[in-house]
Amino acid sequence: MSEELIERPSPEALDEDTFKELLETKQYRLLRERLSDSEPTHVADLLASIPVDEAVIAFRLLPKSLAISVFDYMDGAFQNQLLEAFSDQAARSFLEAMPPDDRTELLEEVPAKVARRLLQILSPDQRRLTLQLLGYEEGTAGREMTPLFVDLHSDMTVALALERVRRLAINRETIYECYVMDRRRRLIGTVSLKDLVIADPDAKVADIMTPDPAYVDTHTDREEVAKELREHNLLAIPVVDAEQRLVGIITHDDVADIMEEETTEDIYRFGAVPGTERGYFASRILGVGRRRGIWLFVLMMANMVTGRIIFEQADFERIALLAVFIPLLIANGGNTGAQSATVVIRGLATGEVNPRRAMAVVTREASIGAVLGVALGAIALGLAYALIRDLEVALAVSITLIGISVMATLAGGALPFLFRRINVDPALVSAPLITTIMDICGVALYFWVAYMIMVA
């Protein structure tokens, strides 16, 4: 073993200081080797630690396949800076090496000025392909698909099909599943690479294909695409146009990205925090404040109803005792309702809950609420009496807790179905919204029960 190999540090030793030293001393060959042995996430972190002009130099040392993966892990602002620093030739080479669907997603996220420049430097074929994908509505299968797939004709022999697979494999996203078309390019079946390899070379593709495959059309919502691919356990799902012609596929890794984005969006909505196209943490502070402030203002105004109810009951002799337990009651209502809303929304998203069984699901949640309410009410009765030695107030707290638990589970279970029925995303039934509803209803119920026990 040579002395050079003995002294060369291991790939794991490429820390930030070593990276900067190799770049500063222009040891580009060694730097390229060390970066090539690193994980894409680590390389992205290293590039983000240096000025953009230096990052451009280091980025251009990466093999194209690694460069594309590294670029994916960079934040949007750094991606923009990197693209703007590229020469037209370097940008074109990089963009045309990207899968078409990833390139389309990138052009959606960069500023319009940068997007126009990038489109202009693409070759005519790639520009036409990119514009075609951008022409589909955002969030649909057409926008997410890649046109790079292996297509076979049904009357091909297996030998010819394998030859075509070998010829196309170098720039296709997947070759493990091939798509069989008729002479009009209509999708009629699929055939796996394994079946092609073990079949008689003289057999026809039509004889070994699986007919009537699952597919989606170009206007299918991307969440539905993810659901279809998951339910059919596919590596990729074909996308057809209005005339059933095969125009692209969506692969399992694309679906993983879709599911991550949709889950993030749902979590933001559930917390009444609107997301943005650029991403929450990449957005301007004033813009985020404005969007969040609108929701908080609406919820604040709704909570004024709660204050009004309390104010109107201020002539109660024991209002101070009753007020002691208001936080306990409204917190229980908000928490219980949020739990029910969470499980129902998740069930709708995964397909575990069928909208046709809405009544059964809501009844089940209400029953759970009744069980929880009785248990918590019994505990609250004892604790409240031990605390204030007032049986009537303790009874009001206990009975209200039972009622609130049932009301909260009814609201949390039913509202997602109602929103879905009127074509509104059920994730909009957020925890703050449920909490606000239960604050108003809970306080009103509490004082009504107290009035009936103490006055009526």
Protein backbone atom coordinates (compact mmCIF):
# COMPACT_ATOMS: atom_id res chain seq x y z
CA MET A 1 0.00 0.00 0.00
CA SER A 2 1.43 3.42 -0.96
CA GLU A 3 2.32 6.12 1.55
CA GLU A 4 -0.29 8.40 -0.01
CA LEU A 5 -3.06 5.89 0.67
CA ILE A 6 -1.89 5.37 4.24
CA GLU A 7 -1.95 9.09 5.05
CA ARG A 8 -5.20 9.90 3.25
CA PRO A 9 -7.94 10.52 5.80
CA SER A 10 -11.05 8.35 5.76
CA PRO A 11 -14.27 9.72 4.20
CA GLU A 12 -15.74 10.13 7.66
CA ALA A 13 -12.98 12.62 8.56
CA LEU A 14 -14.23 15.21 6.05
CA ASP A 15 -15.41 17.74 8.55
CA GLU A 16 -16.10 21.39 7.86
CA ASP A 17 -12.54 22.54 8.59
CA THR A 18 -10.97 19.91 6.33
CA PHE A 19 -13.46 20.73 3.58
CA LYS A 20 -12.64 24.44 3.72
CA GLU A 21 -8.90 23.75 3.80
CA LEU A 22 -9.04 21.51 0.70
CA LEU A 23 -11.10 24.13 -1.11
CA GLU A 24 -8.84 27.01 -0.08
CA THR A 25 -5.67 25.15 -1.15
CA LYS A 26 -7.35 24.15 -4.42
CA GLN A 27 -6.85 20.42 -3.91
CA TYR A 28 -9.79 19.83 -6.20
CA ARG A 29 -9.05 16.23 -7.15
CA LEU A 30 -8.83 15.08 -3.55
CA LEU A 31 -11.85 17.20 -2.63
CA ARG A 32 -13.89 15.61 -5.41
CA GLU A 33 -12.97 12.10 -4.18
CA ARG A 34 -13.82 12.93 -0.60
CA LEU A 35 -17.13 14.60 -1.49
CA SER A 36 -18.08 11.68 -3.74
CA ASP A 37 -17.76 9.35 -0.75
CA SER A 38 -20.00 11.52 1.44
CA GLU A 39 -23.73 11.39 2.00
CA PRO A 40 -25.76 14.00 0.05
CA THR A 41 -27.13 15.55 3.25
CA HIS A 42 -23.60 16.01 4.62
CA VAL A 43 -22.37 17.59 1.39
CA ALA A 44 -25.35 19.98 1.40
CA ASP A 45 -24.46 21.06 4.95
CA LEU A 46 -20.83 21.63 3.95
CA LEU A 47 -21.82 23.77 0.96
CA ALA A 48 -24.18 25.83 3.11
CA SER A 49 -21.27 26.66 5.45
CA ILE A 50 -19.30 28.63 2.82
CA PRO A 51 -19.99 31.68 0.63
CA VAL A 52 -22.02 31.07 -2.52
CA ASP A 53 -19.16 31.79 -4.94
CA GLU A 54 -17.04 29.12 -3.23
CA ALA A 55 -20.03 26.75 -3.03
CA VAL A 56 -20.44 26.99 -6.81
CA ILE A 57 -16.84 25.80 -7.27
CA ALA A 58 -17.29 22.88 -4.87
CA PHE A 59 -20.71 21.99 -6.31
CA ARG A 60 -19.30 21.72 -9.84
CA LEU A 61 -16.78 19.16 -8.60
CA LEU A 62 -19.60 16.72 -7.76
CA PRO A 63 -20.64 13.92 -10.14
CA LYS A 64 -24.00 14.83 -11.71
CA SER A 65 -25.96 12.13 -9.93
CA LEU A 66 -24.62 13.24 -6.54
CA ALA A 67 -25.06 16.93 -7.43
CA ILE A 68 -28.77 16.40 -8.11
CA SER A 69 -29.25 14.61 -4.77
CA VAL A 70 -27.29 17.30 -2.89
CA PHE A 71 -29.28 20.07 -4.55
CA ASP A 72 -32.49 18.45 -3.30
CA TYR A 73 -31.34 18.84 0.33
CA MET A 74 -30.49 22.55 0.06
CA ASP A 75 -32.97 25.15 1.25
CA GLY A 76 -34.80 27.20 -1.35
CA ALA A 77 -32.85 30.43 -0.81
CA PHE A 78 -29.50 28.70 -1.27
CA GLN A 79 -30.76 26.87 -4.37
CA ASN A 80 -31.72 30.22 -5.91
CA GLN A 81 -28.34 31.74 -5.13
CA LEU A 82 -26.54 28.74 -6.56
CA LEU A 83 -28.55 28.79 -9.80
CA GLU A 84 -28.05 32.52 -10.26
CA ALA A 85 -24.30 32.06 -9.86
CA PHE A 86 -24.14 29.32 -12.54
CA SER A 87 -23.18 30.22 -16.07
CA ASP A 88 -25.89 29.46 -18.64
CA GLN A 89 -23.97 26.44 -19.90
CA ALA A 90 -23.44 25.01 -16.39
CA ALA A 91 -27.07 25.63 -15.43
CA ARG A 92 -28.32 23.99 -18.62
CA SER A 93 -26.11 20.92 -18.12
CA PHE A 94 -27.29 20.55 -14.54
CA LEU A 95 -30.99 21.09 -15.23
CA GLU A 96 -31.10 18.69 -18.18
CA ALA A 97 -29.53 15.99 -16.00
CA MET A 98 -32.41 16.30 -13.51
CA PRO A 99 -35.53 14.12 -13.84
CA PRO A 100 -38.24 16.18 -15.58
CA ASP A 101 -40.61 16.09 -12.61
CA ASP A 102 -37.91 17.32 -10.22
CA ARG A 103 -36.97 20.06 -12.68
CA THR A 104 -40.61 21.14 -12.90
CA GLU A 105 -40.88 21.30 -9.11
CA LEU A 106 -37.73 23.42 -8.97
CA LEU A 107 -39.08 25.89 -11.53
CA GLU A 108 -42.26 26.23 -9.46
CA GLU A 109 -40.29 27.26 -6.38
CA VAL A 110 -37.71 29.70 -7.77
CA PRO A 111 -38.62 33.37 -8.40
CA ALA A 112 -40.32 34.07 -11.73
CA LYS A 113 -37.27 35.93 -13.07
CA VAL A 114 -35.00 32.95 -12.39
CA ALA A 115 -37.56 30.50 -13.80
CA ARG A 116 -37.78 32.44 -17.09
CA ARG A 117 -34.01 32.43 -17.45
CA LEU A 118 -33.77 28.70 -16.75
CA LEU A 119 -36.51 27.89 -19.25
CA GLN A 120 -34.78 29.93 -21.94
CA ILE A 121 -31.46 28.09 -21.59
CA LEU A 122 -33.01 24.61 -21.86
CA SER A 123 -32.80 22.78 -25.16
CA PRO A 124 -36.01 22.99 -27.26
CA ASP A 125 -37.02 19.40 -26.44
CA GLN A 126 -36.46 19.79 -22.71
CA ARG A 127 -38.16 23.19 -22.67
CA ARG A 128 -41.22 21.73 -24.43
CA LEU A 129 -41.32 18.82 -21.98
CA THR A 130 -41.00 21.12 -18.96
CA LEU A 131 -43.69 23.49 -20.20
CA GLN A 132 -45.97 20.50 -20.79
CA LEU A 133 -45.63 19.43 -17.15
CA LEU A 134 -46.03 23.00 -15.91
CA GLY A 135 -49.24 23.22 -17.94
CA TYR A 136 -51.01 20.76 -15.63
CA GLU A 137 -52.79 22.07 -12.57
CA GLU A 138 -50.69 22.22 -9.42
CA GLY A 139 -51.19 19.26 -7.08
CA THR A 140 -52.28 16.87 -9.85
CA ALA A 141 -50.72 13.70 -11.23
CA GLY A 142 -49.84 15.52 -14.45
CA ARG A 143 -47.64 17.97 -12.55
CA GLU A 144 -45.95 15.24 -10.48
CA MET A 145 -45.34 12.61 -13.18
CA THR A 146 -42.16 11.88 -15.12
CA PRO A 147 -42.34 11.00 -18.83
CA LEU A 148 -39.21 8.84 -18.50
CA PHE A 149 -40.53 5.28 -18.45
CA VAL A 150 -40.08 2.09 -20.45
CA ASP A 151 -42.91 1.58 -22.91
CA LEU A 152 -43.39 -1.60 -24.92
CA HIS A 153 -45.79 -2.54 -27.70
CA SER A 154 -48.00 -5.54 -27.15
CA ASP A 155 -46.94 -7.26 -30.39
CA MET A 156 -43.21 -7.10 -29.57
CA THR A 157 -41.32 -10.29 -28.89
CA VAL A 158 -39.68 -10.68 -25.51
CA ALA A 159 -36.25 -10.51 -27.16
CA LEU A 160 -37.06 -7.15 -28.77
CA ALA A 161 -38.58 -5.90 -25.51
CA LEU A 162 -35.39 -6.72 -23.57
CA GLU A 163 -33.31 -4.99 -26.21
CA ARG A 164 -35.48 -1.88 -25.81
CA VAL A 165 -35.18 -2.02 -22.02
CA ARG A 166 -31.37 -2.12 -22.29
CA ARG A 167 -31.37 0.82 -24.70
CA LEU A 168 -33.65 3.02 -22.56
CA ALA A 169 -32.42 2.00 -19.10
CA ILE A 170 -29.67 4.61 -18.83
CA ASN A 171 -32.03 7.57 -18.47
CA ARG A 172 -35.22 6.01 -17.09
CA GLU A 173 -36.30 6.40 -13.47
CA THR A 174 -37.27 2.74 -13.18
CA ILE A 175 -37.00 -0.30 -15.43
CA TYR A 176 -38.41 -2.91 -13.07
CA GLU A 177 -41.93 -2.35 -14.37
CA CYS A 178 -42.57 -1.79 -18.09
CA TYR A 179 -45.79 -0.46 -19.56
CA VAL A 180 -47.49 -2.14 -22.51
CA MET A 181 -49.38 -0.08 -25.07
CA ASP A 182 -51.34 -0.74 -28.20
CA ARG A 183 -50.71 1.01 -31.51
CA ARG A 184 -52.64 4.09 -30.30
CA ARG A 185 -50.38 4.36 -27.23
CA ARG A 186 -53.25 3.37 -24.95
CA LEU A 187 -52.21 1.58 -21.77
CA ILE A 188 -53.32 -2.06 -21.85
CA GLY A 189 -51.01 -3.82 -19.40
CA THR A 190 -47.74 -4.03 -17.48
CA VAL A 191 -44.90 -6.52 -17.46
CA SER A 192 -42.10 -6.79 -14.91
CA LEU A 193 -38.44 -7.01 -15.85
CA LYS A 194 -38.30 -10.35 -14.05
CA ASP A 195 -41.05 -11.78 -16.27
CA LEU A 196 -39.24 -10.57 -19.39
CA VAL A 197 -35.98 -12.15 -18.30
CA ILE A 198 -37.43 -15.59 -17.59
CA ALA A 199 -39.86 -15.69 -20.55
CA ASP A 200 -39.30 -17.39 -23.90
CA PRO A 201 -37.47 -14.86 -26.14
CA ASP A 202 -39.88 -15.62 -28.99
CA ALA A 203 -43.02 -15.09 -26.90
CA LYS A 204 -45.11 -11.99 -27.41
CA VAL A 205 -45.23 -9.31 -24.72
CA ALA A 206 -49.04 -9.48 -24.87
CA ASP A 207 -48.87 -13.13 -23.75
CA ILE A 208 -46.97 -12.46 -20.53
CA MET A 209 -48.26 -9.04 -19.52
CA THR A 210 -50.68 -8.33 -16.68
CA PRO A 211 -53.76 -6.72 -18.28
CA ASP A 212 -55.93 -3.89 -16.92
CA PRO A 213 -53.36 -2.30 -14.60
CA ALA A 214 -54.16 0.32 -11.98
CA TYR A 215 -53.64 3.87 -13.23
CA VAL A 216 -54.51 7.50 -12.59
CA ASP A 217 -55.29 10.29 -15.03
CA THR A 218 -53.43 13.56 -15.38
CA HIS A 219 -56.00 15.49 -13.32
CA THR A 220 -56.09 13.09 -10.36
CA ASP A 221 -55.24 14.80 -7.06
CA ARG A 222 -51.79 13.84 -5.84
CA GLU A 223 -53.11 12.58 -2.49
CA GLU A 224 -55.33 10.15 -4.39
CA VAL A 225 -52.27 9.09 -6.42
CA ALA A 226 -50.39 8.27 -3.21
CA LYS A 227 -53.38 6.29 -1.94
CA GLU A 228 -53.67 4.28 -5.18
CA LEU A 229 -49.97 3.42 -5.26
CA ARG A 230 -50.01 2.37 -1.62
CA GLU A 231 -53.18 0.27 -1.95
CA HIS A 232 -51.87 -1.59 -5.01
CA ASN A 233 -48.33 -1.93 -3.59
CA LEU A 234 -46.69 -0.64 -6.78
CA LEU A 235 -43.20 0.62 -7.52
CA ALA A 236 -44.78 3.21 -9.83
CA ILE A 237 -48.24 4.03 -11.12
CA PRO A 238 -48.94 4.97 -14.75
CA VAL A 239 -50.60 8.26 -15.68
CA VAL A 240 -52.91 8.46 -18.70
CA ASP A 241 -54.59 11.36 -20.49
CA ALA A 242 -58.28 11.78 -21.36
CA GLU A 243 -57.92 9.32 -24.27
CA GLN A 244 -56.27 6.66 -22.10
CA ARG A 245 -52.87 7.27 -23.70
CA LEU A 246 -49.89 6.67 -21.45
CA VAL A 247 -48.11 9.97 -20.79
CA GLY A 248 -46.04 9.33 -17.66
CA ILE A 249 -45.53 7.51 -14.40
CA ILE A 250 -45.26 8.51 -10.74
CA THR A 251 -42.68 6.50 -8.81
CA HIS A 252 -42.73 5.43 -5.17
CA ASP A 253 -40.03 7.93 -4.19
CA ASP A 254 -42.12 10.76 -5.69
CA VAL A 255 -45.09 9.52 -3.67
CA ALA A 256 -42.96 9.55 -0.51
CA ASP A 257 -42.21 13.22 -1.15
CA ILE A 258 -45.91 13.91 -1.83
CA MET A 259 -46.95 12.25 1.43
CA GLU A 260 -44.36 14.22 3.38
CA GLU A 261 -45.53 17.52 1.87
CA GLU A 262 -49.22 16.70 2.43
CA THR A 263 -48.58 15.62 6.03
CA THR A 264 -46.66 18.85 6.69
CA GLU A 265 -49.51 20.86 5.17
CA ASP A 266 -52.10 19.01 7.27
CA ILE A 267 -50.09 19.54 10.46
CA TYR A 268 -49.84 23.27 9.75
CA ARG A 269 -53.57 23.45 9.09
CA PHE A 270 -54.40 21.45 12.18
CA GLY A 271 -52.52 24.03 14.22
CA ALA A 272 -54.19 26.89 12.31
CA VAL A 273 -50.78 27.82 10.87
CA PRO A 274 -51.13 28.37 7.11
CA GLY A 275 -48.19 27.03 5.10
CA THR A 276 -46.61 28.68 2.09
CA GLU A 277 -45.29 27.54 -1.26
CA ARG A 278 -41.75 28.48 -0.21
CA GLY A 279 -42.02 26.61 3.09
CA TYR A 280 -42.89 28.01 6.50
CA PHE A 281 -39.33 28.63 7.72
CA ALA A 282 -38.23 30.20 4.43
CA SER A 283 -41.09 32.71 4.40
CA ARG A 284 -40.86 36.35 5.45
CA ILE A 285 -41.69 37.09 9.09
CA LEU A 286 -44.28 39.77 8.28
CA GLY A 287 -46.04 37.49 5.79
CA VAL A 288 -46.21 34.60 8.25
CA GLY A 289 -47.37 36.97 10.99
CA ARG A 290 -50.16 38.29 8.78
CA ARG A 291 -51.45 34.80 7.87
CA ARG A 292 -51.28 33.51 11.43
CA GLY A 293 -52.74 36.72 12.80
CA ILE A 294 -55.90 36.40 10.71
CA TRP A 295 -56.68 33.02 12.27
CA LEU A 296 -55.82 34.21 15.78
CA PHE A 297 -58.04 37.28 15.38
CA VAL A 298 -61.00 35.12 14.29
CA LEU A 299 -60.48 32.77 17.24
CA MET A 300 -60.04 35.70 19.65
CA MET A 301 -63.33 37.25 18.56
CA ALA A 302 -65.07 33.90 18.98
CA ASN A 303 -63.67 33.59 22.50
CA MET A 304 -65.22 36.95 23.35
CA VAL A 305 -68.52 35.05 23.41
CA THR A 306 -67.16 33.03 26.31
CA GLY A 307 -66.33 36.20 28.22
CA ARG A 308 -69.80 37.57 27.54
CA ILE A 309 -71.43 34.46 29.00
CA ILE A 310 -69.34 34.76 32.19
CA PHE A 311 -70.08 38.48 32.48
CA GLU A 312 -73.83 37.88 32.24
CA GLN A 313 -73.63 35.45 35.16
CA ALA A 314 -71.69 37.85 37.38
CA ASP A 315 -74.64 38.29 39.75
CA PHE A 316 -74.30 34.73 41.03
CA GLU A 317 -73.39 34.69 44.71
CA ARG A 318 -70.93 31.87 44.15
CA ILE A 319 -69.51 33.10 40.82
CA ALA A 320 -65.98 33.06 42.27
CA LEU A 321 -66.29 29.39 43.19
CA LEU A 322 -67.67 28.52 39.79
CA ALA A 323 -64.89 30.46 38.03
CA VAL A 324 -62.25 28.32 39.74
CA PHE A 325 -63.20 25.32 37.57
CA ILE A 326 -63.65 27.06 34.20
CA PRO A 327 -60.04 26.34 33.04
CA LEU A 328 -60.45 22.66 33.91
CA LEU A 329 -63.71 22.32 31.98
CA ILE A 330 -62.76 24.19 28.79
CA ALA A 331 -59.34 22.53 28.67
CA ASN A 332 -60.99 19.11 28.87
CA GLY A 333 -63.40 20.05 26.06
CA GLY A 334 -60.65 21.29 23.76
CA ASN A 335 -58.37 18.33 24.42
CA THR A 336 -61.11 15.71 24.03
CA GLY A 337 -62.44 17.28 20.83
CA ALA A 338 -58.96 17.59 19.34
CA GLN A 339 -58.34 13.89 20.03
CA SER A 340 -61.51 12.85 18.18
CA ALA A 341 -60.80 15.21 15.28
CA THR A 342 -57.24 13.87 14.99
CA VAL A 343 -58.22 10.20 14.75
CA VAL A 344 -61.08 10.85 12.31
CA ILE A 345 -59.00 13.10 10.02
CA ARG A 346 -56.18 10.57 10.00
CA GLY A 347 -58.64 7.75 9.31
CA LEU A 348 -60.07 9.66 6.35
CA ALA A 349 -56.57 10.35 5.01
CA THR A 350 -55.45 6.71 5.19
CA GLY A 351 -58.77 5.25 4.00
CA GLU A 352 -59.34 3.41 7.29
CA VAL A 353 -62.53 5.44 7.79
CA ASN A 354 -65.17 5.28 5.08
CA PRO A 355 -67.24 8.50 4.76
CA ARG A 356 -70.33 6.32 4.22
CA ARG A 357 -69.94 5.11 7.82
CA ALA A 358 -69.88 8.63 9.24
CA MET A 359 -72.83 8.06 11.59
CA ALA A 360 -71.28 4.91 13.04
CA VAL A 361 -67.93 6.63 13.57
CA VAL A 362 -69.48 9.70 15.23
CA THR A 363 -71.68 7.51 17.45
CA ARG A 364 -68.62 5.52 18.48
CA GLU A 365 -66.71 8.70 19.35
CA ALA A 366 -69.67 10.02 21.36
CA SER A 367 -69.83 6.73 23.27
CA ILE A 368 -66.13 7.01 24.06
CA GLY A 369 -66.79 10.58 25.20
CA ALA A 370 -69.56 9.39 27.52
CA VAL A 371 -67.28 6.77 29.09
CA LEU A 372 -64.50 9.32 29.55
CA GLY A 373 -66.95 11.89 30.89
CA VAL A 374 -68.41 9.58 33.53
CA ALA A 375 -64.95 8.52 34.71
CA LEU A 376 -63.56 12.05 34.79
CA GLY A 377 -66.81 13.44 36.24
CA ALA A 378 -66.67 11.03 39.17
CA ILE A 379 -63.08 12.00 39.90
CA ALA A 380 -63.86 15.73 39.52
CA LEU A 381 -66.83 15.42 41.93
CA GLY A 382 -64.63 14.13 44.71
CA LEU A 383 -61.75 16.52 44.07
CA ALA A 384 -63.98 19.59 43.70
CA TYR A 385 -65.86 18.84 46.92
CA ALA A 386 -62.60 18.22 48.78
CA LEU A 387 -61.28 21.56 47.51
CA ILE A 388 -64.21 23.91 48.19
CA ARG A 389 -66.62 21.94 50.39
CA ASP A 390 -69.59 22.98 48.26
CA LEU A 391 -71.60 20.00 47.02
CA GLU A 392 -73.74 21.98 44.55
CA VAL A 393 -70.71 23.49 42.79
CA ALA A 394 -68.99 20.10 42.76
CA LEU A 395 -72.09 18.52 41.19
CA ALA A 396 -72.22 21.28 38.55
CA VAL A 397 -68.56 20.62 37.66
CA SER A 398 -69.09 16.85 37.50
CA ILE A 399 -72.25 16.96 35.36
CA THR A 400 -70.78 19.60 33.06
CA LEU A 401 -67.64 17.52 32.57
CA ILE A 402 -69.76 14.59 31.37
CA GLY A 403 -71.71 16.84 28.99
CA ILE A 404 -68.58 18.54 27.65
CA SER A 405 -66.87 15.22 26.98
CA VAL A 406 -69.82 14.01 24.89
CA MET A 407 -70.20 17.35 23.08
CA ALA A 408 -66.46 17.52 22.30
CA THR A 409 -66.27 14.03 20.85
CA LEU A 410 -69.40 14.69 18.81
CA ALA A 411 -67.91 17.90 17.39
CA GLY A 412 -64.47 16.42 16.81
CA GLY A 413 -65.92 13.33 15.16
CA ALA A 414 -68.61 14.99 13.03
CA LEU A 415 -66.94 18.17 11.73
CA PRO A 416 -64.33 16.38 9.56
CA PHE A 417 -67.14 14.53 7.74
CA LEU A 418 -69.09 17.76 7.33
CA PHE A 419 -66.08 19.58 5.89
CA ARG A 420 -65.35 16.71 3.53
CA ARG A 421 -69.00 16.73 2.38
CA ILE A 422 -68.72 20.38 1.32
CA ASN A 423 -65.34 19.76 -0.37
CA VAL A 424 -63.22 21.46 2.27
CA ASP A 425 -60.03 19.81 3.51
CA PRO A 426 -60.92 18.08 6.84
CA ALA A 427 -57.53 19.18 8.22
CA LEU A 428 -59.04 22.67 8.48
CA VAL A 429 -60.98 21.30 11.46
CA SER A 430 -58.00 22.36 13.51
CA ALA A 431 -57.31 22.04 17.22
CA PRO A 432 -57.75 25.80 17.81
CA LEU A 433 -61.13 25.73 16.05
CA ILE A 434 -62.36 22.78 18.11
CA THR A 435 -61.02 24.42 21.27
CA THR A 436 -62.83 27.67 20.54
CA ILE A 437 -66.13 25.89 19.88
CA MET A 438 -65.82 23.95 23.12
CA ASP A 439 -64.88 27.07 25.09
CA ILE A 440 -68.16 28.71 24.09
CA CYS A 441 -70.37 25.63 24.44
CA GLY A 442 -68.62 24.42 27.58
CA VAL A 443 -68.97 27.66 29.51
CA ALA A 444 -72.61 28.05 28.42
CA LEU A 445 -73.38 24.49 29.54
CA TYR A 446 -71.52 24.99 32.83
CA PHE A 447 -73.50 28.05 33.87
CA TRP A 448 -76.78 26.52 32.71
CA VAL A 449 -76.14 23.40 34.83
CA ALA A 450 -75.09 25.57 37.79
CA TYR A 451 -78.22 27.68 37.42
CA MET A 452 -80.45 24.59 37.31
CA ILE A 453 -78.81 23.14 40.45
CA MET A 454 -78.45 26.31 42.50
CA VAL A 455 -81.40 28.49 41.45
CA ALA A 456 -84.12 26.59 39.63
